Amino acid sequence: MKETKKMLKLKGEQYENSRNKVLELQEKIINSQHVEEASDHRPFLQKAFDKIFGFPTGRKFRERRSKWRR
């Protein structure tokens, strides 16, 4: 019983840590989209966001995504 409670607590902490990281990453992506100057980190952040949220990263998807930003 104690092990189950510990496991649940650990899973809860892992979930919170992951959620906080995703929120930080999302905030960085949003901020980088508002900045007009080119950033070295932008391609990395886009790939990371796509990977986390399961978006395709193919060329056609990028073309569609670039049209959405206009």
N, C-alpha and C. Protein backbone atom coordinates (compact mmCIF):
# COMPACT_ATOMS: atom_id res chain seq x y z
N MET A 1 0.83 -1.20 0.00
CA MET A 1 0.00 0.00 0.00
C MET A 1 0.87 1.26 0.00
N LYS A 2 1.94 1.24 0.83
CA LYS A 2 2.82 2.40 0.88
C LYS A 2 3.53 2.60 -0.45
N GLU A 3 3.92 1.48 -1.09
CA GLU A 3 4.60 1.57 -2.38
C GLU A 3 3.69 2.19 -3.43
N THR A 4 2.43 1.82 -3.40
CA THR A 4 1.48 2.37 -4.35
C THR A 4 1.33 3.88 -4.16
N LYS A 5 1.26 4.31 -2.91
CA LYS A 5 1.15 5.74 -2.64
C LYS A 5 2.40 6.48 -3.09
N LYS A 6 3.58 5.86 -2.85
CA LYS A 6 4.83 6.48 -3.30
C LYS A 6 4.86 6.59 -4.82
N MET A 7 4.43 5.51 -5.49
CA MET A 7 4.43 5.51 -6.96
C MET A 7 3.49 6.59 -7.49
N LEU A 8 2.32 6.70 -6.87
CA LEU A 8 1.37 7.72 -7.30
C LEU A 8 1.94 9.12 -7.09
N LYS A 9 2.60 9.31 -5.96
CA LYS A 9 3.20 10.61 -5.67
C LYS A 9 4.29 10.93 -6.68
N LEU A 10 5.13 9.93 -6.99
CA LEU A 10 6.19 10.13 -7.98
C LEU A 10 5.61 10.45 -9.36
N LYS A 11 4.58 9.72 -9.74
CA LYS A 11 3.94 9.98 -11.04
C LYS A 11 3.35 11.38 -11.08
N GLY A 12 2.75 11.79 -9.97
CA GLY A 12 2.19 13.13 -9.90
C GLY A 12 3.26 14.20 -10.03
N GLU A 13 4.41 13.97 -9.38
CA GLU A 13 5.51 14.92 -9.47
C GLU A 13 6.08 14.96 -10.88
N GLN A 14 6.21 13.78 -11.50
CA GLN A 14 6.71 13.72 -12.88
C GLN A 14 5.75 14.46 -13.82
N TYR A 15 4.46 14.26 -13.60
CA TYR A 15 3.47 14.94 -14.43
C TYR A 15 3.60 16.45 -14.28
N GLU A 16 3.71 16.92 -13.05
CA GLU A 16 3.84 18.37 -12.81
C GLU A 16 5.10 18.93 -13.45
N ASN A 17 6.22 18.21 -13.31
CA ASN A 17 7.47 18.66 -13.91
C ASN A 17 7.35 18.73 -15.43
N SER A 18 6.78 17.69 -16.03
CA SER A 18 6.61 17.66 -17.48
C SER A 18 5.68 18.78 -17.93
N ARG A 19 4.61 18.96 -17.20
CA ARG A 19 3.64 20.01 -17.55
C ARG A 19 4.29 21.39 -17.48
N ASN A 20 5.07 21.63 -16.43
CA ASN A 20 5.74 22.92 -16.30
C ASN A 20 6.74 23.15 -17.42
N LYS A 21 7.46 22.10 -17.81
CA LYS A 21 8.42 22.23 -18.92
C LYS A 21 7.70 22.54 -20.22
N VAL A 22 6.59 21.86 -20.46
CA VAL A 22 5.82 22.12 -21.67
C VAL A 22 5.30 23.55 -21.69
N LEU A 23 4.81 24.03 -20.55
CA LEU A 23 4.30 25.40 -20.49
C LEU A 23 5.42 26.41 -20.71
N GLU A 24 6.61 26.14 -20.16
CA GLU A 24 7.74 27.04 -20.38
C GLU A 24 8.13 27.06 -21.86
N LEU A 25 8.17 25.87 -22.45
CA LEU A 25 8.52 25.76 -23.87
C LEU A 25 7.49 26.48 -24.73
N GLN A 26 6.23 26.29 -24.41
CA GLN A 26 5.16 26.94 -25.16
C GLN A 26 5.29 28.46 -25.05
N GLU A 27 5.61 28.95 -23.87
CA GLU A 27 5.78 30.39 -23.67
C GLU A 27 6.96 30.91 -24.49
N LYS A 28 8.06 30.14 -24.51
CA LYS A 28 9.22 30.54 -25.31
C LYS A 28 8.87 30.60 -26.79
N ILE A 29 8.10 29.63 -27.25
CA ILE A 29 7.71 29.60 -28.66
C ILE A 29 6.84 30.81 -28.99
N ILE A 30 5.87 31.09 -28.14
CA ILE A 30 4.99 32.23 -28.38
C ILE A 30 5.80 33.52 -28.38
N ASN A 31 6.72 33.66 -27.42
CA ASN A 31 7.55 34.86 -27.37
C ASN A 31 8.43 34.99 -28.60
N SER A 32 8.98 33.88 -29.06
CA SER A 32 9.86 33.94 -30.23
C SER A 32 9.08 34.28 -31.49
N GLN A 33 7.81 33.95 -31.54
CA GLN A 33 7.00 34.28 -32.71
C GLN A 33 6.69 35.77 -32.75
N HIS A 34 6.67 36.42 -31.59
CA HIS A 34 6.39 37.85 -31.55
C HIS A 34 7.61 38.68 -31.90
N VAL A 35 8.79 38.10 -31.73
CA VAL A 35 10.02 38.82 -32.03
C VAL A 35 10.27 38.74 -33.53
N GLU A 36 10.48 39.89 -34.15
CA GLU A 36 10.66 39.93 -35.60
C GLU A 36 12.05 39.44 -36.02
N GLU A 37 13.06 39.69 -35.19
CA GLU A 37 14.41 39.29 -35.57
C GLU A 37 14.56 37.78 -35.52
N ALA A 38 15.42 37.24 -36.37
CA ALA A 38 15.63 35.80 -36.43
C ALA A 38 16.37 35.33 -35.19
N SER A 39 15.94 34.21 -34.67
CA SER A 39 16.56 33.65 -33.48
C SER A 39 17.20 32.31 -33.83
N ASP A 40 18.35 32.04 -33.27
CA ASP A 40 19.03 30.76 -33.51
C ASP A 40 18.25 29.60 -32.90
N HIS A 41 17.48 29.87 -31.86
CA HIS A 41 16.76 28.80 -31.16
C HIS A 41 15.41 28.49 -31.78
N ARG A 42 14.93 29.31 -32.67
CA ARG A 42 13.59 29.14 -33.20
C ARG A 42 13.36 27.79 -33.88
N PRO A 43 14.24 27.34 -34.79
CA PRO A 43 13.98 26.03 -35.41
C PRO A 43 13.95 24.91 -34.37
N PHE A 44 14.84 24.97 -33.38
CA PHE A 44 14.84 23.94 -32.35
C PHE A 44 13.52 23.94 -31.59
N LEU A 45 13.05 25.13 -31.21
CA LEU A 45 11.82 25.21 -30.43
C LEU A 45 10.63 24.73 -31.25
N GLN A 46 10.61 25.04 -32.54
CA GLN A 46 9.51 24.56 -33.38
C GLN A 46 9.51 23.04 -33.45
N LYS A 47 10.69 22.45 -33.65
CA LYS A 47 10.77 20.99 -33.71
C LYS A 47 10.36 20.37 -32.38
N ALA A 48 10.82 20.96 -31.29
CA ALA A 48 10.48 20.43 -29.97
C ALA A 48 8.97 20.51 -29.73
N PHE A 49 8.37 21.64 -30.07
CA PHE A 49 6.93 21.81 -29.89
C PHE A 49 6.17 20.78 -30.73
N ASP A 50 6.60 20.63 -32.00
CA ASP A 50 5.95 19.67 -32.88
C ASP A 50 6.07 18.25 -32.33
N LYS A 51 7.24 17.93 -31.80
CA LYS A 51 7.45 16.58 -31.28
C LYS A 51 6.60 16.34 -30.04
N ILE A 52 6.55 17.30 -29.14
CA ILE A 52 5.78 17.14 -27.90
C ILE A 52 4.29 17.00 -28.19
N PHE A 53 3.77 17.82 -29.09
CA PHE A 53 2.34 17.82 -29.33
C PHE A 53 1.93 16.96 -30.52
N GLY A 54 2.89 16.22 -31.09
CA GLY A 54 2.56 15.23 -32.11
C GLY A 54 2.24 15.78 -33.48
N PHE A 55 2.65 17.01 -33.77
CA PHE A 55 2.40 17.55 -35.09
C PHE A 55 3.41 16.98 -36.08
N PRO A 56 2.99 16.75 -37.31
CA PRO A 56 3.95 16.30 -38.32
C PRO A 56 5.00 17.38 -38.56
N THR A 57 6.19 16.96 -38.91
CA THR A 57 7.26 17.94 -39.12
C THR A 57 7.71 17.95 -40.57
N GLY A 58 6.93 17.38 -41.45
CA GLY A 58 7.31 17.33 -42.86
C GLY A 58 7.26 18.69 -43.52
N ARG A 59 7.84 18.76 -44.73
CA ARG A 59 7.94 20.02 -45.47
C ARG A 59 6.56 20.60 -45.77
N LYS A 60 5.64 19.76 -46.20
CA LYS A 60 4.31 20.27 -46.55
C LYS A 60 3.61 20.87 -45.34
N PHE A 61 3.79 20.23 -44.19
CA PHE A 61 3.16 20.78 -42.99
C PHE A 61 3.76 22.14 -42.66
N ARG A 62 5.09 22.27 -42.80
CA ARG A 62 5.74 23.56 -42.53
C ARG A 62 5.22 24.63 -43.47
N GLU A 63 5.00 24.26 -44.73
CA GLU A 63 4.46 25.23 -45.69
C GLU A 63 3.07 25.69 -45.27
N ARG A 64 2.23 24.75 -44.85
CA ARG A 64 0.89 25.12 -44.39
C ARG A 64 0.97 26.00 -43.16
N ARG A 65 1.86 25.63 -42.23
CA ARG A 65 2.00 26.38 -40.99
C ARG A 65 2.47 27.81 -41.29
N SER A 66 3.37 27.96 -42.25
CA SER A 66 3.85 29.31 -42.58
C SER A 66 2.72 30.14 -43.17
N LYS A 67 1.78 29.52 -43.87
CA LYS A 67 0.63 30.25 -44.41
C LYS A 67 -0.29 30.72 -43.28
N TRP A 68 -0.39 29.93 -42.21
CA TRP A 68 -1.27 30.30 -41.09
C TRP A 68 -0.77 31.56 -40.40
N ARG A 69 0.55 31.77 -40.41
CA ARG A 69 1.13 32.90 -39.69
C ARG A 69 0.93 34.22 -40.40
N ARG A 70 0.59 34.19 -41.66
CA ARG A 70 0.47 35.43 -42.44
C ARG A 70 -0.76 36.21 -42.09
